[in-house]
Amino acid sequence: CDGGEGALGHPRVWLTIPQDTGFVECGYCDKRYEIDRAHAQDDH
């Protein structure tokens, strides 16, 4: 998560999406990142 940049943002963090849930939420801003399983390939 890039933190939104600017003075009100948070530090940039790298998140790993677990395969069992298919999503992860940023611990700072609660932004949710999901795997698009229709377009996912191997580990990318």
Protein backbone atom coordinates (compact mmCIF):
# COMPACT_ATOMS: atom_id res chain seq x y z
CA CYS A 1 0.00 0.00 0.00
CA ASP A 2 1.55 3.32 -1.00
CA GLY A 3 0.09 5.19 1.96
CA GLY A 4 -1.74 7.81 -0.04
CA GLU A 5 1.40 9.96 -0.14
CA GLY A 6 1.47 13.49 1.22
CA ALA A 7 1.57 14.64 4.82
CA LEU A 8 -1.55 12.72 5.86
CA GLY A 9 -0.48 9.38 4.40
CA HIS A 10 1.23 6.43 6.08
CA PRO A 11 4.53 4.64 5.37
CA ARG A 12 4.60 2.46 2.25
CA VAL A 13 4.12 -1.19 3.21
CA TRP A 14 4.39 -4.41 1.20
CA LEU A 15 1.53 -6.84 1.71
CA THR A 16 1.20 -10.54 0.89
CA ILE A 17 -2.19 -11.85 -0.19
CA PRO A 18 -2.82 -15.30 1.32
CA GLN A 19 -4.09 -17.80 -1.26
CA ASP A 20 -6.70 -19.22 1.12
CA THR A 21 -8.51 -15.90 1.64
CA GLY A 22 -7.63 -14.18 -1.65
CA PHE A 23 -7.38 -10.74 -0.02
CA VAL A 24 -5.41 -8.66 2.47
CA GLU A 25 -6.18 -5.36 4.19
CA CYS A 26 -3.64 -2.64 4.94
CA GLY A 27 -3.05 -2.38 8.68
CA TYR A 28 -2.80 1.41 8.46
CA CYS A 29 -5.70 2.50 6.26
CA ASP A 30 -7.80 -0.69 5.90
CA LYS A 31 -7.60 -0.55 2.10
CA ARG A 32 -8.45 -4.01 0.75
CA TYR A 33 -6.43 -5.75 -1.98
CA GLU A 34 -7.99 -8.78 -3.69
CA ILE A 35 -6.72 -11.40 -6.13
CA ASP A 36 -8.58 -11.42 -9.44
CA ARG A 37 -8.53 -15.20 -9.76
CA ALA A 38 -9.74 -15.04 -13.36
CA HIS A 39 -6.50 -13.30 -14.35
CA ALA A 40 -4.03 -14.64 -11.77
CA GLN A 41 -1.16 -16.80 -12.99
CA ASP A 42 1.08 -18.86 -10.70
CA ASP A 43 2.75 -16.52 -8.17
CA HIS A 44 2.05 -13.27 -10.05
